[in-house]
């Protein structure tokens, strides 16, 4: 059986400033693969819209919006009477998201640079706050929960989606886990960080921080969703390496000779999920929702 014990500690970021720089470097990759990745992650997007109880006319804040999802889907759902504010710490990502919104003709969405731990909006501004695959990158998620609660209206909903356990997610077992094996062989020193991609993989971990932030009606569960890449294994690997800042950091830490071996092994591992047309991954994700019950 594969050993994943060290992987989650090394697929990480190193703080808000470095995180911002790293995601800025990935912006072109997110622009290039936006359409295909949006389709691949569409069920996770649907899950967060359901969790947030998004309806026509709502005002929604989306944190860590990346190249535009789930912000764009939320904007379509709230309609012309609703409004979406999409935020990210990386201005390059926001420019791409804004272009994607403009290309779709969406006029009910605006884009603002923002740190989730210091949200620059007034108290009680939003019916819902969403964050899809962003919470684990916040250096202080407890502080972010306090800020989210502050900007929600009474009765407003926060909806969160994070990754489940690495061993249940072939997106990572076929990529990061293989790189980590070579890092150990090369005796690469493990980095210390408190921003771990899988820090909320355990059920109950999001409930804990939501409860500490005085949210009510908390629900948390783990679900399995399709994570299908409509293309070759080579294209899936290329897109992952051009979009994942944590993976890019891992990959760069092994020597070039190892990188060739790693690539060959990753393609072989992904090939087990390939049907000649699509890479048929599934994903295990954790979802949580809660309400601001009292002021």
C-alpha atoms as a PDB file:
ATOM      1  CA  UNK A   1       0.000   0.000   0.000  1.00  0.00           C
ATOM      2  CA  UNK A   2       1.243   3.485  -0.875  1.00  0.00           C
ATOM      3  CA  UNK A   3       2.494   5.671   1.980  1.00  0.00           C
ATOM      4  CA  UNK A   4       0.755   9.065   2.001  1.00  0.00           C
ATOM      5  CA  UNK A   5       1.808  10.026   5.522  1.00  0.00           C
ATOM      6  CA  UNK A   6       4.188  12.806   4.482  1.00  0.00           C
ATOM      7  CA  UNK A   7       2.495  14.057   1.349  1.00  0.00           C
ATOM      8  CA  UNK A   8      -0.083  16.349   2.917  1.00  0.00           C
ATOM      9  CA  UNK A   9       2.599  18.089   4.948  1.00  0.00           C
ATOM     10  CA  UNK A  10       4.604  18.946   1.840  1.00  0.00           C
ATOM     11  CA  UNK A  11       1.824  20.008  -0.555  1.00  0.00           C
ATOM     12  CA  UNK A  12       1.580  23.414   1.009  1.00  0.00           C
ATOM     13  CA  UNK A  13       2.180  27.124   0.793  1.00  0.00           C
ATOM     14  CA  UNK A  14       4.432  29.217   3.014  1.00  0.00           C
ATOM     15  CA  UNK A  15       2.435  32.253   4.078  1.00  0.00           C
ATOM     16  CA  UNK A  16       0.275  34.998   2.558  1.00  0.00           C
ATOM     17  CA  UNK A  17       2.988  36.917   0.686  1.00  0.00           C
ATOM     18  CA  UNK A  18       4.640  33.876  -0.844  1.00  0.00           C
ATOM     19  CA  UNK A  19       1.234  32.369  -1.550  1.00  0.00           C
ATOM     20  CA  UNK A  20       0.231  35.484  -3.473  1.00  0.00           C
ATOM     21  CA  UNK A  21       3.413  35.399  -5.561  1.00  0.00           C
ATOM     22  CA  UNK A  22       3.062  31.692  -6.283  1.00  0.00           C
ATOM     23  CA  UNK A  23      -0.543  31.946  -7.455  1.00  0.00           C
ATOM     24  CA  UNK A  24       0.320  34.997  -9.567  1.00  0.00           C
ATOM     25  CA  UNK A  25       2.852  32.826 -11.382  1.00  0.00           C
ATOM     26  CA  UNK A  26       0.124  30.280 -12.119  1.00  0.00           C
ATOM     27  CA  UNK A  27      -2.352  32.811 -13.522  1.00  0.00           C
ATOM     28  CA  UNK A  28      -1.569  32.087 -17.167  1.00  0.00           C
ATOM     29  CA  UNK A  29      -2.156  28.388 -16.586  1.00  0.00           C
ATOM     30  CA  UNK A  30      -5.543  29.116 -15.043  1.00  0.00           C
ATOM     31  CA  UNK A  31      -6.404  31.290 -18.026  1.00  0.00           C
ATOM     32  CA  UNK A  32      -5.346  28.585 -20.472  1.00  0.00           C
ATOM     33  CA  UNK A  33      -7.247  25.740 -18.798  1.00  0.00           C
ATOM     34  CA  UNK A  34     -10.229  27.639 -17.349  1.00  0.00           C
ATOM     35  CA  UNK A  35     -12.917  26.100 -19.578  1.00  0.00           C
ATOM     36  CA  UNK A  36     -11.762  22.508 -19.193  1.00  0.00           C
ATOM     37  CA  UNK A  37     -11.099  22.796 -15.466  1.00  0.00           C
ATOM     38  CA  UNK A  38     -14.515  24.398 -14.936  1.00  0.00           C
ATOM     39  CA  UNK A  39     -16.090  21.328 -16.533  1.00  0.00           C
ATOM     40  CA  UNK A  40     -13.873  18.967 -14.527  1.00  0.00           C
ATOM     41  CA  UNK A  41     -14.798  20.646 -11.229  1.00  0.00           C
ATOM     42  CA  UNK A  42     -18.440  21.366 -12.106  1.00  0.00           C
ATOM     43  CA  UNK A  43     -19.901  19.002  -9.502  1.00  0.00           C
ATOM     44  CA  UNK A  44     -17.888  20.699  -6.752  1.00  0.00           C
ATOM     45  CA  UNK A  45     -19.264  24.019  -7.995  1.00  0.00           C
ATOM     46  CA  UNK A  46     -22.807  22.644  -7.946  1.00  0.00           C
ATOM     47  CA  UNK A  47     -22.243  21.376  -4.401  1.00  0.00           C
ATOM     48  CA  UNK A  48     -21.246  24.797  -3.094  1.00  0.00           C
ATOM     49  CA  UNK A  49     -24.186  26.537  -4.765  1.00  0.00           C
ATOM     50  CA  UNK A  50     -26.509  24.021  -3.126  1.00  0.00           C
ATOM     51  CA  UNK A  51     -24.807  24.475   0.256  1.00  0.00           C
ATOM     52  CA  UNK A  52     -25.107  28.267   0.035  1.00  0.00           C
ATOM     53  CA  UNK A  53     -28.785  27.973  -0.980  1.00  0.00           C
ATOM     54  CA  UNK A  54     -28.112  30.395  -3.824  1.00  0.00           C
ATOM     55  CA  UNK A  55     -31.293  31.948  -5.189  1.00  0.00           C
ATOM     56  CA  UNK A  56     -32.246  34.726  -7.560  1.00  0.00           C
ATOM     57  CA  UNK A  57     -31.718  38.195  -6.109  1.00  0.00           C
ATOM     58  CA  UNK A  58     -29.121  37.244  -3.486  1.00  0.00           C
ATOM     59  CA  UNK A  59     -25.927  39.151  -2.734  1.00  0.00           C
ATOM     60  CA  UNK A  60     -23.000  36.733  -2.514  1.00  0.00           C
ATOM     61  CA  UNK A  61     -19.307  37.067  -1.658  1.00  0.00           C
ATOM     62  CA  UNK A  62     -17.007  34.436  -3.208  1.00  0.00           C
ATOM     63  CA  UNK A  63     -13.555  34.121  -1.630  1.00  0.00           C
ATOM     64  CA  UNK A  64     -10.469  32.784  -3.470  1.00  0.00           C
ATOM     65  CA  UNK A  65     -12.300  32.837  -6.799  1.00  0.00           C
ATOM     66  CA  UNK A  66      -9.311  31.896  -8.968  1.00  0.00           C
ATOM     67  CA  UNK A  67     -10.162  32.178 -12.663  1.00  0.00           C
ATOM     68  CA  UNK A  68     -13.850  32.624 -11.907  1.00  0.00           C
ATOM     69  CA  UNK A  69     -15.542  29.558 -10.492  1.00  0.00           C
ATOM     70  CA  UNK A  70     -17.785  29.288  -8.607  1.00  0.00           C
ATOM     71  CA  UNK A  71     -18.283  33.073  -8.924  1.00  0.00           C
ATOM     72  CA  UNK A  72     -19.536  32.911 -12.515  1.00  0.00           C
ATOM     73  CA  UNK A  73     -21.992  30.107 -11.765  1.00  0.00           C
ATOM     74  CA  UNK A  74     -23.266  32.045  -8.739  1.00  0.00           C
ATOM     75  CA  UNK A  75     -23.732  35.178 -10.878  1.00  0.00           C
ATOM     76  CA  UNK A  76     -25.833  33.204 -13.334  1.00  0.00           C
ATOM     77  CA  UNK A  77     -27.901  31.760 -10.467  1.00  0.00           C
ATOM     78  CA  UNK A  78     -28.628  35.069  -8.664  1.00  0.00           C
ATOM     79  CA  UNK A  79     -29.679  36.696 -11.924  1.00  0.00           C
ATOM     80  CA  UNK A  80     -29.826  40.398 -12.825  1.00  0.00           C
ATOM     81  CA  UNK A  81     -31.473  41.325  -9.516  1.00  0.00           C
ATOM     82  CA  UNK A  82     -28.634  39.717  -7.567  1.00  0.00           C
ATOM     83  CA  UNK A  83     -24.991  40.650  -7.143  1.00  0.00           C
ATOM     84  CA  UNK A  84     -21.724  38.754  -6.715  1.00  0.00           C
ATOM     85  CA  UNK A  85     -18.425  40.097  -5.405  1.00  0.00           C
ATOM     86  CA  UNK A  86     -15.560  37.796  -6.379  1.00  0.00           C
ATOM     87  CA  UNK A  87     -12.268  38.128  -4.499  1.00  0.00           C
ATOM     88  CA  UNK A  88      -8.772  36.666  -4.598  1.00  0.00           C
ATOM     89  CA  UNK A  89      -5.378  37.676  -3.205  1.00  0.00           C
ATOM     90  CA  UNK A  90      -3.789  37.416  -6.679  1.00  0.00           C
ATOM     91  CA  UNK A  91      -4.633  40.347  -9.013  1.00  0.00           C
ATOM     92  CA  UNK A  92      -3.618  38.260 -12.036  1.00  0.00           C
ATOM     93  CA  UNK A  93      -6.293  35.711 -11.203  1.00  0.00           C
ATOM     94  CA  UNK A  94      -8.908  38.434 -10.836  1.00  0.00           C
ATOM     95  CA  UNK A  95      -8.086  39.855 -14.274  1.00  0.00           C
ATOM     96  CA  UNK A  96      -8.652  36.430 -15.821  1.00  0.00           C
ATOM     97  CA  UNK A  97     -11.911  35.961 -13.921  1.00  0.00           C
ATOM     98  CA  UNK A  98     -13.092  39.407 -15.001  1.00  0.00           C
ATOM     99  CA  UNK A  99     -12.324  38.585 -18.640  1.00  0.00           C
ATOM    100  CA  UNK A 100     -14.231  35.304 -18.361  1.00  0.00           C
ATOM    101  CA  UNK A 101     -17.232  37.140 -16.877  1.00  0.00           C
ATOM    102  CA  UNK A 102     -17.137  39.732 -19.636  1.00  0.00           C
ATOM    103  CA  UNK A 103     -16.943  37.006 -22.289  1.00  0.00           C
ATOM    104  CA  UNK A 104     -20.120  35.490 -20.814  1.00  0.00           C
ATOM    105  CA  UNK A 105     -21.876  38.852 -20.745  1.00  0.00           C
ATOM    106  CA  UNK A 106     -22.277  38.814 -16.948  1.00  0.00           C
ATOM    107  CA  UNK A 107     -22.808  42.328 -15.596  1.00  0.00           C
ATOM    108  CA  UNK A 108     -23.928  41.469 -12.045  1.00  0.00           C
ATOM    109  CA  UNK A 109     -20.459  40.530 -10.801  1.00  0.00           C
ATOM    110  CA  UNK A 110     -17.504  42.633  -9.661  1.00  0.00           C
ATOM    111  CA  UNK A 111     -13.940  41.648  -8.788  1.00  0.00           C
ATOM    112  CA  UNK A 112     -11.951  42.902  -5.823  1.00  0.00           C
ATOM    113  CA  UNK A 113      -8.529  41.936  -4.424  1.00  0.00           C
ATOM    114  CA  UNK A 114      -9.061  40.826  -0.838  1.00  0.00           C
ATOM    115  CA  UNK A 115      -7.493  38.837   1.967  1.00  0.00           C
ATOM    116  CA  UNK A 116     -10.057  36.556   3.615  1.00  0.00           C
ATOM    117  CA  UNK A 117      -8.565  37.378   7.012  1.00  0.00           C
ATOM    118  CA  UNK A 118      -9.274  41.102   6.554  1.00  0.00           C
ATOM    119  CA  UNK A 119     -12.341  41.324   4.299  1.00  0.00           C
ATOM    120  CA  UNK A 120     -12.679  44.963   3.155  1.00  0.00           C
ATOM    121  CA  UNK A 121     -16.482  45.147   3.269  1.00  0.00           C
ATOM    122  CA  UNK A 122     -19.008  46.425   5.838  1.00  0.00           C
ATOM    123  CA  UNK A 123     -20.706  44.309   8.486  1.00  0.00           C
ATOM    124  CA  UNK A 124     -23.847  42.474   7.395  1.00  0.00           C
ATOM    125  CA  UNK A 125     -23.329  42.980   3.651  1.00  0.00           C
ATOM    126  CA  UNK A 126     -23.987  39.512   2.219  1.00  0.00           C
ATOM    127  CA  UNK A 127     -26.682  36.846   2.090  1.00  0.00           C
ATOM    128  CA  UNK A 128     -24.028  34.174   1.558  1.00  0.00           C
ATOM    129  CA  UNK A 129     -20.264  33.716   1.502  1.00  0.00           C
ATOM    130  CA  UNK A 130     -18.705  30.886  -0.502  1.00  0.00           C
ATOM    131  CA  UNK A 131     -15.208  29.445  -0.678  1.00  0.00           C
ATOM    132  CA  UNK A 132     -14.391  26.486  -2.930  1.00  0.00           C
ATOM    133  CA  UNK A 133     -10.943  24.912  -2.389  1.00  0.00           C
ATOM    134  CA  UNK A 134      -9.554  28.066  -0.781  1.00  0.00           C
ATOM    135  CA  UNK A 135      -9.979  27.658   2.971  1.00  0.00           C
ATOM    136  CA  UNK A 136      -6.930  25.383   3.362  1.00  0.00           C
ATOM    137  CA  UNK A 137      -4.634  28.078   1.945  1.00  0.00           C
ATOM    138  CA  UNK A 138      -5.624  30.704   4.526  1.00  0.00           C
ATOM    139  CA  UNK A 139      -2.756  31.049   7.045  1.00  0.00           C
ATOM    140  CA  UNK A 140      -5.282  31.740   9.814  1.00  0.00           C
ATOM    141  CA  UNK A 141      -8.623  30.140   8.850  1.00  0.00           C
ATOM    142  CA  UNK A 142     -10.056  30.838  12.306  1.00  0.00           C
ATOM    143  CA  UNK A 143      -9.587  34.561  11.725  1.00  0.00           C
ATOM    144  CA  UNK A 144     -11.133  34.212   8.263  1.00  0.00           C
ATOM    145  CA  UNK A 145     -14.218  32.584   9.809  1.00  0.00           C
ATOM    146  CA  UNK A 146     -14.620  35.576  12.095  1.00  0.00           C
ATOM    147  CA  UNK A 147     -14.432  37.935   9.125  1.00  0.00           C
ATOM    148  CA  UNK A 148     -16.889  35.855   7.125  1.00  0.00           C
ATOM    149  CA  UNK A 149     -19.356  35.899  10.011  1.00  0.00           C
ATOM    150  CA  UNK A 150     -18.938  39.671  10.348  1.00  0.00           C
ATOM    151  CA  UNK A 151     -19.852  40.431   6.717  1.00  0.00           C
ATOM    152  CA  UNK A 152     -22.838  38.059   6.659  1.00  0.00           C
ATOM    153  CA  UNK A 153     -26.353  39.262   7.323  1.00  0.00           C
ATOM    154  CA  UNK A 154     -28.308  37.649  10.164  1.00  0.00           C
ATOM    155  CA  UNK A 155     -29.491  34.334   8.716  1.00  0.00           C
ATOM    156  CA  UNK A 156     -26.761  34.435   6.072  1.00  0.00           C
ATOM    157  CA  UNK A 157     -24.991  31.229   5.027  1.00  0.00           C
ATOM    158  CA  UNK A 158     -21.325  30.343   4.675  1.00  0.00           C
ATOM    159  CA  UNK A 159     -20.565  27.431   2.318  1.00  0.00           C
ATOM    160  CA  UNK A 160     -17.178  25.716   2.150  1.00  0.00           C
ATOM    161  CA  UNK A 161     -15.638  22.973   0.026  1.00  0.00           C
ATOM    162  CA  UNK A 162     -12.224  21.435   0.736  1.00  0.00           C
ATOM    163  CA  UNK A 163     -10.357  18.298  -0.287  1.00  0.00           C
ATOM    164  CA  UNK A 164     -11.007  15.011   1.443  1.00  0.00           C
ATOM    165  CA  UNK A 165      -8.185  12.556   2.278  1.00  0.00           C
ATOM    166  CA  UNK A 166      -5.379  12.395  -0.273  1.00  0.00           C
ATOM    167  CA  UNK A 167      -5.541   8.607  -0.531  1.00  0.00           C
ATOM    168  CA  UNK A 168      -9.121   8.911  -1.820  1.00  0.00           C
ATOM    169  CA  UNK A 169      -8.241  11.489  -4.491  1.00  0.00           C
ATOM    170  CA  UNK A 170      -6.474  10.113  -7.576  1.00  0.00           C
ATOM    171  CA  UNK A 171      -5.832  13.680  -8.735  1.00  0.00           C
ATOM    172  CA  UNK A 172      -3.154  13.720  -6.037  1.00  0.00           C
ATOM    173  CA  UNK A 173      -2.173  10.059  -5.693  1.00  0.00           C
ATOM    174  CA  UNK A 174      -1.159  10.075  -9.367  1.00  0.00           C
ATOM    175  CA  UNK A 175       0.826  13.306  -9.071  1.00  0.00           C
ATOM    176  CA  UNK A 176       1.941  14.766  -5.729  1.00  0.00           C
ATOM    177  CA  UNK A 177       2.331  11.381  -4.029  1.00  0.00           C
ATOM    178  CA  UNK A 178       4.713  10.250  -6.767  1.00  0.00           C
ATOM    179  CA  UNK A 179       6.773  13.432  -6.512  1.00  0.00           C
ATOM    180  CA  UNK A 180       6.964  13.050  -2.733  1.00  0.00           C
ATOM    181  CA  UNK A 181       8.398   9.561  -3.143  1.00  0.00           C
ATOM    182  CA  UNK A 182      11.245  10.967  -5.234  1.00  0.00           C
ATOM    183  CA  UNK A 183      11.734  13.873  -2.836  1.00  0.00           C
ATOM    184  CA  UNK A 184      12.321  11.381  -0.018  1.00  0.00           C
ATOM    185  CA  UNK A 185      14.739   9.425  -2.202  1.00  0.00           C
ATOM    186  CA  UNK A 186      16.593  12.668  -2.957  1.00  0.00           C
ATOM    187  CA  UNK A 187      16.568  13.553   0.766  1.00  0.00           C
ATOM    188  CA  UNK A 188      14.901  16.904   0.111  1.00  0.00           C
ATOM    189  CA  UNK A 189      14.282  18.680   3.396  1.00  0.00           C
ATOM    190  CA  UNK A 190      10.621  18.882   4.326  1.00  0.00           C
ATOM    191  CA  UNK A 191       9.229  22.407   4.494  1.00  0.00           C
ATOM    192  CA  UNK A 192       7.342  23.566   7.523  1.00  0.00           C
ATOM    193  CA  UNK A 193       4.052  25.289   6.848  1.00  0.00           C
ATOM    194  CA  UNK A 194       0.656  25.743   8.429  1.00  0.00           C
ATOM    195  CA  UNK A 195      -1.140  25.948   5.066  1.00  0.00           C
ATOM    196  CA  UNK A 196      -1.704  22.334   4.026  1.00  0.00           C
ATOM    197  CA  UNK A 197      -3.930  21.348   1.096  1.00  0.00           C
ATOM    198  CA  UNK A 198      -5.389  18.538   3.229  1.00  0.00           C
ATOM    199  CA  UNK A 199      -5.669  20.360   6.555  1.00  0.00           C
ATOM    200  CA  UNK A 200      -9.474  20.019   6.433  1.00  0.00           C
ATOM    201  CA  UNK A 201      -9.564  16.478   5.048  1.00  0.00           C
ATOM    202  CA  UNK A 202     -10.845  15.065   8.334  1.00  0.00           C
ATOM    203  CA  UNK A 203     -14.584  15.312   8.897  1.00  0.00           C
ATOM    204  CA  UNK A 204     -15.250  17.598  11.843  1.00  0.00           C
ATOM    205  CA  UNK A 205     -12.322  19.923  11.176  1.00  0.00           C
ATOM    206  CA  UNK A 206     -14.468  22.587   9.516  1.00  0.00           C
ATOM    207  CA  UNK A 207     -17.218  22.135  12.087  1.00  0.00           C
ATOM    208  CA  UNK A 208     -14.674  22.973  14.769  1.00  0.00           C
ATOM    209  CA  UNK A 209     -13.657  26.343  13.338  1.00  0.00           C
ATOM    210  CA  UNK A 210     -17.250  27.236  12.428  1.00  0.00           C
ATOM    211  CA  UNK A 211     -18.362  26.461  15.969  1.00  0.00           C
ATOM    212  CA  UNK A 212     -15.509  28.492  17.443  1.00  0.00           C
ATOM    213  CA  UNK A 213     -16.595  31.421  15.251  1.00  0.00           C
ATOM    214  CA  UNK A 214     -20.123  31.189  16.758  1.00  0.00           C
ATOM    215  CA  UNK A 215     -21.934  29.945  13.654  1.00  0.00           C
ATOM    216  CA  UNK A 216     -25.125  27.930  14.071  1.00  0.00           C
ATOM    217  CA  UNK A 217     -26.919  25.166  12.157  1.00  0.00           C
ATOM    218  CA  UNK A 218     -23.563  23.671  11.148  1.00  0.00           C
ATOM    219  CA  UNK A 219     -23.502  20.718   8.778  1.00  0.00           C
ATOM    220  CA  UNK A 220     -20.479  18.896   7.399  1.00  0.00           C
ATOM    221  CA  UNK A 221     -20.202  15.842   5.195  1.00  0.00           C
ATOM    222  CA  UNK A 222     -17.955  14.052   2.751  1.00  0.00           C
ATOM    223  CA  UNK A 223     -19.139  13.342  -0.790  1.00  0.00           C
ATOM    224  CA  UNK A 224     -17.779  11.705  -3.928  1.00  0.00           C
ATOM    225  CA  UNK A 225     -18.065  13.632  -7.193  1.00  0.00           C
ATOM    226  CA  UNK A 226     -16.908  12.975 -10.765  1.00  0.00           C
ATOM    227  CA  UNK A 227     -13.595  14.652 -11.589  1.00  0.00           C
ATOM    228  CA  UNK A 228     -13.325  13.775 -15.263  1.00  0.00           C
ATOM    229  CA  UNK A 229     -10.750  15.331 -17.568  1.00  0.00           C
ATOM    230  CA  UNK A 230     -12.006  15.434 -21.143  1.00  0.00           C
ATOM    231  CA  UNK A 231      -8.675  14.764 -22.859  1.00  0.00           C
ATOM    232  CA  UNK A 232      -5.456  12.780 -22.733  1.00  0.00           C
ATOM    233  CA  UNK A 233      -3.336  11.914 -19.698  1.00  0.00           C
ATOM    234  CA  UNK A 234      -0.592  14.149 -21.089  1.00  0.00           C
ATOM    235  CA  UNK A 235      -2.984  17.079 -21.204  1.00  0.00           C
ATOM    236  CA  UNK A 236      -4.311  16.355 -17.708  1.00  0.00           C
ATOM    237  CA  UNK A 237      -0.779  16.310 -16.295  1.00  0.00           C
ATOM    238  CA  UNK A 238       0.188  19.481 -18.148  1.00  0.00           C
ATOM    239  CA  UNK A 239      -2.874  21.331 -16.880  1.00  0.00           C
ATOM    240  CA  UNK A 240      -2.276  20.195 -13.299  1.00  0.00           C
ATOM    241  CA  UNK A 241       1.369  21.241 -13.366  1.00  0.00           C
ATOM    242  CA  UNK A 242       0.442  24.644 -14.835  1.00  0.00           C
ATOM    243  CA  UNK A 243      -2.377  25.334 -12.354  1.00  0.00           C
ATOM    244  CA  UNK A 244      -1.240  23.918  -9.010  1.00  0.00           C
ATOM    245  CA  UNK A 245       1.239  26.177  -7.244  1.00  0.00           C
ATOM    246  CA  UNK A 246       1.853  23.637  -4.448  1.00  0.00           C
ATOM    247  CA  UNK A 247       2.602  20.872  -6.973  1.00  0.00           C
ATOM    248  CA  UNK A 248       4.903  23.140  -8.983  1.00  0.00           C
ATOM    249  CA  UNK A 249       6.927  23.795  -5.822  1.00  0.00           C
ATOM    250  CA  UNK A 250       7.221  20.091  -5.048  1.00  0.00           C
ATOM    251  CA  UNK A 251       8.220  19.205  -8.592  1.00  0.00           C
ATOM    252  CA  UNK A 252      10.915  21.906  -8.721  1.00  0.00           C
ATOM    253  CA  UNK A 253      12.625  20.484  -5.635  1.00  0.00           C
ATOM    254  CA  UNK A 254      13.810  17.287  -7.318  1.00  0.00           C
ATOM    255  CA  UNK A 255      16.623  17.208  -9.857  1.00  0.00           C
ATOM    256  CA  UNK A 256      15.987  17.198 -13.609  1.00  0.00           C
ATOM    257  CA  UNK A 257      16.926  13.540 -13.982  1.00  0.00           C
ATOM    258  CA  UNK A 258      14.271  12.618 -11.443  1.00  0.00           C
ATOM    259  CA  UNK A 259      11.737  14.891 -13.109  1.00  0.00           C
ATOM    260  CA  UNK A 260      11.822  12.764 -16.278  1.00  0.00           C
ATOM    261  CA  UNK A 261      11.224   9.609 -14.243  1.00  0.00           C
ATOM    262  CA  UNK A 262       8.468  11.318 -12.276  1.00  0.00           C
ATOM    263  CA  UNK A 263       6.668  12.461 -15.427  1.00  0.00           C
ATOM    264  CA  UNK A 264       6.777   8.955 -16.913  1.00  0.00           C
ATOM    265  CA  UNK A 265       5.448   7.451 -13.667  1.00  0.00           C
ATOM    266  CA  UNK A 266       2.678  10.061 -13.373  1.00  0.00           C
ATOM    267  CA  UNK A 267       1.511   9.434 -16.935  1.00  0.00           C
ATOM    268  CA  UNK A 268       1.485   5.678 -16.298  1.00  0.00           C
ATOM    269  CA  UNK A 269      -0.513   6.158 -13.079  1.00  0.00           C
ATOM    270  CA  UNK A 270      -3.035   8.425 -14.790  1.00  0.00           C
ATOM    271  CA  UNK A 271      -3.244   5.920 -17.637  1.00  0.00           C
ATOM    272  CA  UNK A 272      -5.057   3.512 -15.316  1.00  0.00           C
ATOM    273  CA  UNK A 273      -7.991   5.949 -15.347  1.00  0.00           C
ATOM    274  CA  UNK A 274      -7.894   6.696 -19.088  1.00  0.00           C
ATOM    275  CA  UNK A 275     -10.452   5.189 -21.470  1.00  0.00           C
ATOM    276  CA  UNK A 276      -8.877   6.489 -24.673  1.00  0.00           C
ATOM    277  CA  UNK A 277     -10.819   9.733 -24.544  1.00  0.00           C
ATOM    278  CA  UNK A 278     -11.119  10.880 -20.932  1.00  0.00           C
ATOM    279  CA  UNK A 279      -9.288  10.571 -17.613  1.00  0.00           C
ATOM    280  CA  UNK A 280     -12.024   9.213 -15.350  1.00  0.00           C
ATOM    281  CA  UNK A 281     -11.019  10.457 -11.928  1.00  0.00           C
ATOM    282  CA  UNK A 282     -13.428  10.809  -9.038  1.00  0.00           C
ATOM    283  CA  UNK A 283     -12.878  13.216  -6.143  1.00  0.00           C
ATOM    284  CA  UNK A 284     -13.693  12.959  -2.453  1.00  0.00           C
ATOM    285  CA  UNK A 285     -14.477  16.420  -1.131  1.00  0.00           C
ATOM    286  CA  UNK A 286     -15.581  17.721   2.245  1.00  0.00           C
ATOM    287  CA  UNK A 287     -18.451  20.191   2.377  1.00  0.00           C
ATOM    288  CA  UNK A 288     -19.650  22.391   5.215  1.00  0.00           C
ATOM    289  CA  UNK A 289     -22.335  25.027   5.675  1.00  0.00           C
ATOM    290  CA  UNK A 290     -23.476  27.141   8.603  1.00  0.00           C
ATOM    291  CA  UNK A 291     -25.610  30.185   9.425  1.00  0.00           C
ATOM    292  CA  UNK A 292     -25.071  33.428  11.250  1.00  0.00           C
ATOM    293  CA  UNK A 293     -27.878  33.074  13.754  1.00  0.00           C
ATOM    294  CA  UNK A 294     -27.344  36.055  16.000  1.00  0.00           C
ATOM    295  CA  UNK A 295     -25.399  39.283  15.795  1.00  0.00           C
END
